[in-house]
Amino acid sequence: MHRTHNGMEATSDEIDMEQYQPSALALQKHLLNLRQERAQLEAQGDRQRADHLTKLIANIEETLASFSEPFKPTTLQ
């Protein structure tokens, strides 16, 4: 057994999830940044780049939606 940040014993699965959560949160933050960038491009009238980001965002969201329940990161929204 390993110890977690709070001193409790943890299984290897729990340790894996602890390492996964910061990455999932970083991905969600990146997705939020992409949405904000897309909104800025749309406001500037740059439809081509905004459309490209729309497709990229949709691909990321589709990938996240396909994860099994324990691996679905919570959203920031």
PDB file of N, CA and C in Angstrom:
ATOM      1  N   MET A   1       0.841  -1.192   0.000  1.00  0.00           N
ATOM      2  CA  MET A   1       0.000   0.000   0.000  1.00  0.00           C
ATOM      3  C   MET A   1       0.882   1.249   0.000  1.00  0.00           C
ATOM      4  N   HIS A   2       0.359   2.266  -0.600  1.00  0.00           N
ATOM      5  CA  HIS A   2       1.021   3.565  -0.644  1.00  0.00           C
ATOM      6  C   HIS A   2       0.230   4.546   0.196  1.00  0.00           C
ATOM      7  N   ARG A   3       0.875   5.604   0.570  1.00  0.00           N
ATOM      8  CA  ARG A   3       0.195   6.665   1.322  1.00  0.00           C
ATOM      9  C   ARG A   3      -0.196   7.793   0.372  1.00  0.00           C
ATOM     10  N   THR A   4      -1.380   8.318   0.552  1.00  0.00           N
ATOM     11  CA  THR A   4      -1.832   9.449  -0.246  1.00  0.00           C
ATOM     12  C   THR A   4      -1.371  10.737   0.416  1.00  0.00           C
ATOM     13  N   HIS A   5      -1.703  11.853  -0.221  1.00  0.00           N
ATOM     14  CA  HIS A   5      -1.311  13.162   0.307  1.00  0.00           C
ATOM     15  C   HIS A   5      -1.892  13.429   1.691  1.00  0.00           C
ATOM     16  N   ASN A   6      -2.985  12.764   2.053  1.00  0.00           N
ATOM     17  CA  ASN A   6      -3.589  12.981   3.368  1.00  0.00           C
ATOM     18  C   ASN A   6      -3.165  11.922   4.382  1.00  0.00           C
ATOM     19  N   GLY A   7      -2.186  11.081   4.014  1.00  0.00           N
ATOM     20  CA  GLY A   7      -1.655  10.086   4.936  1.00  0.00           C
ATOM     21  C   GLY A   7      -2.412   8.783   4.968  1.00  0.00           C
ATOM     22  N   MET A   8      -3.506   8.676   4.235  1.00  0.00           N
ATOM     23  CA  MET A   8      -4.295   7.451   4.198  1.00  0.00           C
ATOM     24  C   MET A   8      -3.649   6.459   3.248  1.00  0.00           C
ATOM     25  N   GLU A   9      -3.906   5.185   3.486  1.00  0.00           N
ATOM     26  CA  GLU A   9      -3.398   4.165   2.574  1.00  0.00           C
ATOM     27  C   GLU A   9      -4.232   4.171   1.308  1.00  0.00           C
ATOM     28  N   ALA A  10      -3.569   3.919   0.174  1.00  0.00           N
ATOM     29  CA  ALA A  10      -4.273   3.942  -1.109  1.00  0.00           C
ATOM     30  C   ALA A  10      -3.871   2.730  -1.931  1.00  0.00           C
ATOM     31  N   THR A  11      -4.818   2.250  -2.716  1.00  0.00           N
ATOM     32  CA  THR A  11      -4.536   1.166  -3.644  1.00  0.00           C
ATOM     33  C   THR A  11      -3.853   1.751  -4.872  1.00  0.00           C
ATOM     34  N   SER A  12      -3.306   0.887  -5.711  1.00  0.00           N
ATOM     35  CA  SER A  12      -2.661   1.372  -6.936  1.00  0.00           C
ATOM     36  C   SER A  12      -3.675   2.030  -7.858  1.00  0.00           C
ATOM     37  N   ASP A  13      -4.929   1.556  -7.868  1.00  0.00           N
ATOM     38  CA  ASP A  13      -5.972   2.190  -8.680  1.00  0.00           C
ATOM     39  C   ASP A  13      -6.249   3.613  -8.215  1.00  0.00           C
ATOM     40  N   GLU A  14      -6.284   3.803  -6.892  1.00  0.00           N
ATOM     41  CA  GLU A  14      -6.514   5.148  -6.359  1.00  0.00           C
ATOM     42  C   GLU A  14      -5.349   6.072  -6.691  1.00  0.00           C
ATOM     43  N   ILE A  15      -4.139   5.545  -6.648  1.00  0.00           N
ATOM     44  CA  ILE A  15      -2.964   6.348  -6.993  1.00  0.00           C
ATOM     45  C   ILE A  15      -3.024   6.733  -8.461  1.00  0.00           C
ATOM     46  N   ASP A  16      -3.398   5.794  -9.314  1.00  0.00           N
ATOM     47  CA  ASP A  16      -3.532   6.094 -10.738  1.00  0.00           C
ATOM     48  C   ASP A  16      -4.552   7.209 -10.957  1.00  0.00           C
ATOM     49  N   MET A  17      -5.676   7.156 -10.252  1.00  0.00           N
ATOM     50  CA  MET A  17      -6.701   8.185 -10.397  1.00  0.00           C
ATOM     51  C   MET A  17      -6.198   9.538  -9.887  1.00  0.00           C
ATOM     52  N   GLU A  18      -5.415   9.544  -8.797  1.00  0.00           N
ATOM     53  CA  GLU A  18      -4.851  10.798  -8.295  1.00  0.00           C
ATOM     54  C   GLU A  18      -3.941  11.433  -9.334  1.00  0.00           C
ATOM     55  N   GLN A  19      -3.213  10.614 -10.057  1.00  0.00           N
ATOM     56  CA  GLN A  19      -2.325  11.136 -11.089  1.00  0.00           C
ATOM     57  C   GLN A  19      -3.119  11.556 -12.321  1.00  0.00           C
ATOM     58  N   TYR A  20      -4.233  10.905 -12.554  1.00  0.00           N
ATOM     59  CA  TYR A  20      -5.066  11.196 -13.716  1.00  0.00           C
ATOM     60  C   TYR A  20      -5.817  12.512 -13.559  1.00  0.00           C
ATOM     61  N   GLN A  21      -6.319  12.794 -12.392  1.00  0.00           N
ATOM     62  CA  GLN A  21      -7.171  13.959 -12.181  1.00  0.00           C
ATOM     63  C   GLN A  21      -6.509  15.281 -12.579  1.00  0.00           C
ATOM     64  N   PRO A  22      -5.243  15.544 -12.211  1.00  0.00           N
ATOM     65  CA  PRO A  22      -4.634  16.807 -12.654  1.00  0.00           C
ATOM     66  C   PRO A  22      -4.545  16.908 -14.179  1.00  0.00           C
ATOM     67  N   SER A  23      -4.283  15.800 -14.849  1.00  0.00           N
ATOM     68  CA  SER A  23      -4.234  15.812 -16.313  1.00  0.00           C
ATOM     69  C   SER A  23      -5.606  16.075 -16.903  1.00  0.00           C
ATOM     70  N   ALA A  24      -6.625  15.469 -16.325  1.00  0.00           N
ATOM     71  CA  ALA A  24      -7.992  15.686 -16.804  1.00  0.00           C
ATOM     72  C   ALA A  24      -8.403  17.140 -16.596  1.00  0.00           C
ATOM     73  N   LEU A  25      -8.038  17.692 -15.467  1.00  0.00           N
ATOM     74  CA  LEU A  25      -8.366  19.090 -15.205  1.00  0.00           C
ATOM     75  C   LEU A  25      -7.630  20.004 -16.185  1.00  0.00           C
ATOM     76  N   ALA A  26      -6.376  19.703 -16.466  1.00  0.00           N
ATOM     77  CA  ALA A  26      -5.614  20.504 -17.429  1.00  0.00           C
ATOM     78  C   ALA A  26      -6.265  20.431 -18.813  1.00  0.00           C
ATOM     79  N   LEU A  27      -6.754  19.263 -19.196  1.00  0.00           N
ATOM     80  CA  LEU A  27      -7.427  19.116 -20.480  1.00  0.00           C
ATOM     81  C   LEU A  27      -8.711  19.952 -20.512  1.00  0.00           C
ATOM     82  N   GLN A  28      -9.464  19.937 -19.429  1.00  0.00           N
ATOM     83  CA  GLN A  28     -10.686  20.740 -19.366  1.00  0.00           C
ATOM     84  C   GLN A  28     -10.369  22.233 -19.463  1.00  0.00           C
ATOM     85  N   LYS A  29      -9.297  22.666 -18.808  1.00  0.00           N
ATOM     86  CA  LYS A  29      -8.899  24.070 -18.880  1.00  0.00           C
ATOM     87  C   LYS A  29      -8.480  24.435 -20.302  1.00  0.00           C
ATOM     88  N   HIS A  30      -7.773  23.531 -20.952  1.00  0.00           N
ATOM     89  CA  HIS A  30      -7.362  23.770 -22.335  1.00  0.00           C
ATOM     90  C   HIS A  30      -8.587  23.887 -23.238  1.00  0.00           C
ATOM     91  N   LEU A  31      -9.558  23.032 -23.019  1.00  0.00           N
ATOM     92  CA  LEU A  31     -10.796  23.084 -23.790  1.00  0.00           C
ATOM     93  C   LEU A  31     -11.515  24.415 -23.572  1.00  0.00           C
ATOM     94  N   LEU A  32     -11.554  24.883 -22.352  1.00  0.00           N
ATOM     95  CA  LEU A  32     -12.154  26.174 -22.054  1.00  0.00           C
ATOM     96  C   LEU A  32     -11.405  27.298 -22.777  1.00  0.00           C
ATOM     97  N   ASN A  33     -10.077  27.239 -22.780  1.00  0.00           N
ATOM     98  CA  ASN A  33      -9.282  28.240 -23.492  1.00  0.00           C
ATOM     99  C   ASN A  33      -9.574  28.221 -24.990  1.00  0.00           C
ATOM    100  N   LEU A  34      -9.729  27.035 -25.555  1.00  0.00           N
ATOM    101  CA  LEU A  34     -10.058  26.931 -26.978  1.00  0.00           C
ATOM    102  C   LEU A  34     -11.416  27.562 -27.275  1.00  0.00           C
ATOM    103  N   ARG A  35     -12.380  27.343 -26.386  1.00  0.00           N
ATOM    104  CA  ARG A  35     -13.701  27.945 -26.580  1.00  0.00           C
ATOM    105  C   ARG A  35     -13.625  29.471 -26.521  1.00  0.00           C
ATOM    106  N   GLN A  36     -12.822  29.981 -25.602  1.00  0.00           N
ATOM    107  CA  GLN A  36     -12.669  31.434 -25.494  1.00  0.00           C
ATOM    108  C   GLN A  36     -11.975  31.996 -26.735  1.00  0.00           C
ATOM    109  N   GLU A  37     -10.961  31.301 -27.209  1.00  0.00           N
ATOM    110  CA  GLU A  37     -10.261  31.741 -28.419  1.00  0.00           C
ATOM    111  C   GLU A  37     -11.202  31.731 -29.623  1.00  0.00           C
ATOM    112  N   ARG A  38     -12.028  30.698 -29.711  1.00  0.00           N
ATOM    113  CA  ARG A  38     -13.003  30.615 -30.803  1.00  0.00           C
ATOM    114  C   ARG A  38     -13.965  31.797 -30.749  1.00  0.00           C
ATOM    115  N   ALA A  39     -14.432  32.137 -29.566  1.00  0.00           N
ATOM    116  CA  ALA A  39     -15.353  33.265 -29.415  1.00  0.00           C
ATOM    117  C   ALA A  39     -14.686  34.569 -29.855  1.00  0.00           C
ATOM    118  N   GLN A  40     -13.415  34.719 -29.525  1.00  0.00           N
ATOM    119  CA  GLN A  40     -12.684  35.922 -29.946  1.00  0.00           C
ATOM    120  C   GLN A  40     -12.552  35.971 -31.465  1.00  0.00           C
ATOM    121  N   LEU A  41     -12.235  34.834 -32.063  1.00  0.00           N
ATOM    122  CA  LEU A  41     -12.104  34.789 -33.522  1.00  0.00           C
ATOM    123  C   LEU A  41     -13.431  35.102 -34.201  1.00  0.00           C
ATOM    124  N   GLU A  42     -14.516  34.567 -33.650  1.00  0.00           N
ATOM    125  CA  GLU A  42     -15.838  34.855 -34.208  1.00  0.00           C
ATOM    126  C   GLU A  42     -16.154  36.347 -34.093  1.00  0.00           C
ATOM    127  N   ALA A  43     -15.806  36.933 -32.948  1.00  0.00           N
ATOM    128  CA  ALA A  43     -16.065  38.361 -32.745  1.00  0.00           C
ATOM    129  C   ALA A  43     -15.251  39.219 -33.716  1.00  0.00           C
ATOM    130  N   GLN A  44     -14.087  38.716 -34.107  1.00  0.00           N
ATOM    131  CA  GLN A  44     -13.221  39.441 -35.044  1.00  0.00           C
ATOM    132  C   GLN A  44     -13.577  39.147 -36.500  1.00  0.00           C
ATOM    133  N   GLY A  45     -14.534  38.252 -36.694  1.00  0.00           N
ATOM    134  CA  GLY A  45     -14.969  37.911 -38.043  1.00  0.00           C
ATOM    135  C   GLY A  45     -14.076  36.903 -38.763  1.00  0.00           C
ATOM    136  N   ASP A  46     -13.211  36.232 -38.033  1.00  0.00           N
ATOM    137  CA  ASP A  46     -12.308  35.241 -38.629  1.00  0.00           C
ATOM    138  C   ASP A  46     -12.993  33.873 -38.611  1.00  0.00           C
ATOM    139  N   ARG A  47     -13.959  33.689 -39.524  1.00  0.00           N
ATOM    140  CA  ARG A  47     -14.766  32.472 -39.564  1.00  0.00           C
ATOM    141  C   ARG A  47     -13.944  31.227 -39.853  1.00  0.00           C
ATOM    142  N   GLN A  48     -12.947  31.329 -40.721  1.00  0.00           N
ATOM    143  CA  GLN A  48     -12.174  30.143 -41.098  1.00  0.00           C
ATOM    144  C   GLN A  48     -11.453  29.555 -39.885  1.00  0.00           C
ATOM    145  N   ARG A  49     -10.782  30.384 -39.136  1.00  0.00           N
ATOM    146  CA  ARG A  49     -10.073  29.880 -37.952  1.00  0.00           C
ATOM    147  C   ARG A  49     -11.049  29.458 -36.857  1.00  0.00           C
ATOM    148  N   ALA A  50     -12.150  30.192 -36.718  1.00  0.00           N
ATOM    149  CA  ALA A  50     -13.160  29.817 -35.722  1.00  0.00           C
ATOM    150  C   ALA A  50     -13.775  28.462 -36.064  1.00  0.00           C
ATOM    151  N   ASP A  51     -14.045  28.228 -37.344  1.00  0.00           N
ATOM    152  CA  ASP A  51     -14.592  26.936 -37.767  1.00  0.00           C
ATOM    153  C   ASP A  51     -13.606  25.797 -37.494  1.00  0.00           C
ATOM    154  N   HIS A  52     -12.327  26.067 -37.709  1.00  0.00           N
ATOM    155  CA  HIS A  52     -11.299  25.057 -37.419  1.00  0.00           C
ATOM    156  C   HIS A  52     -11.326  24.708 -35.929  1.00  0.00           C
ATOM    157  N   LEU A  53     -11.401  25.726 -35.069  1.00  0.00           N
ATOM    158  CA  LEU A  53     -11.458  25.463 -33.632  1.00  0.00           C
ATOM    159  C   LEU A  53     -12.743  24.745 -33.242  1.00  0.00           C
ATOM    160  N   THR A  54     -13.843  25.053 -33.910  1.00  0.00           N
ATOM    161  CA  THR A  54     -15.111  24.371 -33.634  1.00  0.00           C
ATOM    162  C   THR A  54     -14.961  22.868 -33.865  1.00  0.00           C
ATOM    163  N   LYS A  55     -14.313  22.499 -34.952  1.00  0.00           N
ATOM    164  CA  LYS A  55     -14.098  21.074 -35.250  1.00  0.00           C
ATOM    165  C   LYS A  55     -13.171  20.433 -34.222  1.00  0.00           C
ATOM    166  N   LEU A  56     -12.116  21.143 -33.858  1.00  0.00           N
ATOM    167  CA  LEU A  56     -11.175  20.632 -32.867  1.00  0.00           C
ATOM    168  C   LEU A  56     -11.866  20.432 -31.520  1.00  0.00           C
ATOM    169  N   ILE A  57     -12.641  21.407 -31.101  1.00  0.00           N
ATOM    170  CA  ILE A  57     -13.376  21.319 -29.836  1.00  0.00           C
ATOM    171  C   ILE A  57     -14.353  20.143 -29.862  1.00  0.00           C
ATOM    172  N   ALA A  58     -15.060  19.975 -30.964  1.00  0.00           N
ATOM    173  CA  ALA A  58     -16.012  18.867 -31.086  1.00  0.00           C
ATOM    174  C   ALA A  58     -15.304  17.519 -30.980  1.00  0.00           C
ATOM    175  N   ASN A  59     -14.121  17.405 -31.576  1.00  0.00           N
ATOM    176  CA  ASN A  59     -13.358  16.155 -31.489  1.00  0.00           C
ATOM    177  C   ASN A  59     -12.945  15.862 -30.053  1.00  0.00           C
ATOM    178  N   ILE A  60     -12.491  16.885 -29.344  1.00  0.00           N
ATOM    179  CA  ILE A  60     -12.082  16.694 -27.947  1.00  0.00           C
ATOM    180  C   ILE A  60     -13.291  16.300 -27.101  1.00  0.00           C
ATOM    181  N   GLU A  61     -14.412  16.998 -27.287  1.00  0.00           N
ATOM    182  CA  GLU A  61     -15.623  16.681 -26.518  1.00  0.00           C
ATOM    183  C   GLU A  61     -16.119  15.271 -26.808  1.00  0.00           C
ATOM    184  N   GLU A  62     -16.043  14.868 -28.063  1.00  0.00           N
ATOM    185  CA  GLU A  62     -16.465  13.515 -28.433  1.00  0.00           C
ATOM    186  C   GLU A  62     -15.570  12.474 -27.760  1.00  0.00           C
ATOM    187  N   THR A  63     -14.282  12.733 -27.735  1.00  0.00           N
ATOM    188  CA  THR A  63     -13.347  11.818 -27.084  1.00  0.00           C
ATOM    189  C   THR A  63     -13.634  11.727 -25.589  1.00  0.00           C
ATOM    190  N   LEU A  64     -13.840  12.867 -24.948  1.00  0.00           N
ATOM    191  CA  LEU A  64     -14.144  12.867 -23.511  1.00  0.00           C
ATOM    192  C   LEU A  64     -15.438  12.124 -23.220  1.00  0.00           C
ATOM    193  N   ALA A  65     -16.439  12.297 -24.068  1.00  0.00           N
ATOM    194  CA  ALA A  65     -17.724  11.631 -23.865  1.00  0.00           C
ATOM    195  C   ALA A  65     -17.616  10.115 -24.010  1.00  0.00           C
ATOM    196  N   SER A  66     -16.613   9.662 -24.757  1.00  0.00           N
ATOM    197  CA  SER A  66     -16.468   8.224 -24.985  1.00  0.00           C
ATOM    198  C   SER A  66     -15.753   7.502 -23.843  1.00  0.00           C
ATOM    199  N   PHE A  67     -15.189   8.246 -22.889  1.00  0.00           N
ATOM    200  CA  PHE A  67     -14.488   7.617 -21.761  1.00  0.00           C
ATOM    201  C   PHE A  67     -15.481   6.872 -20.879  1.00  0.00           C
ATOM    202  N   SER A  68     -15.023   5.777 -20.303  1.00  0.00           N
ATOM    203  CA  SER A  68     -15.876   5.068 -19.347  1.00  0.00           C
ATOM    204  C   SER A  68     -15.999   5.922 -18.082  1.00  0.00           C
ATOM    205  N   GLU A  69     -17.027   5.678 -17.313  1.00  0.00           N
ATOM    206  CA  GLU A  69     -17.394   6.538 -16.193  1.00  0.00           C
ATOM    207  C   GLU A  69     -16.240   6.889 -15.236  1.00  0.00           C
ATOM    208  N   PRO A  70     -15.410   5.947 -14.805  1.00  0.00           N
ATOM    209  CA  PRO A  70     -14.372   6.358 -13.840  1.00  0.00           C
ATOM    210  C   PRO A  70     -13.339   7.313 -14.456  1.00  0.00           C
ATOM    211  N   PHE A  71     -13.272   7.353 -15.776  1.00  0.00           N
ATOM    212  CA  PHE A  71     -12.265   8.175 -16.426  1.00  0.00           C
ATOM    213  C   PHE A  71     -12.828   9.463 -17.021  1.00  0.00           C
ATOM    214  N   LYS A  72     -14.120   9.694 -16.860  1.00  0.00           N
ATOM    215  CA  LYS A  72     -14.706  10.937 -17.366  1.00  0.00           C
ATOM    216  C   LYS A  72     -14.348  12.054 -16.397  1.00  0.00           C
ATOM    217  N   PRO A  73     -13.599  13.046 -16.877  1.00  0.00           N
ATOM    218  CA  PRO A  73     -13.264  14.145 -15.984  1.00  0.00           C
ATOM    219  C   PRO A  73     -14.485  15.025 -15.718  1.00  0.00           C
ATOM    220  N   THR A  74     -14.547  15.563 -14.537  1.00  0.00           N
ATOM    221  CA  THR A  74     -15.627  16.499 -14.247  1.00  0.00           C
ATOM    222  C   THR A  74     -15.357  17.774 -15.024  1.00  0.00           C
ATOM    223  N   THR A  75     -16.399  18.436 -15.416  1.00  0.00           N
ATOM    224  CA  THR A  75     -16.210  19.638 -16.229  1.00  0.00           C
ATOM    225  C   THR A  75     -16.082  20.866 -15.368  1.00  0.00           C
ATOM    226  N   LEU A  76     -15.555  21.903 -15.954  1.00  0.00           N
ATOM    227  CA  LEU A  76     -15.433  23.177 -15.248  1.00  0.00           C
ATOM    228  C   LEU A  76     -16.684  24.015 -15.400  1.00  0.00           C
ATOM    229  N   GLN A  77     -17.597  23.563 -16.250  1.00  0.00           N
ATOM    230  CA  GLN A  77     -18.780  24.371 -16.527  1.00  0.00           C
ATOM    231  C   GLN A  77     -19.955  23.934 -15.713  1.00  0.00           C
TER     232      GLN A  77
END
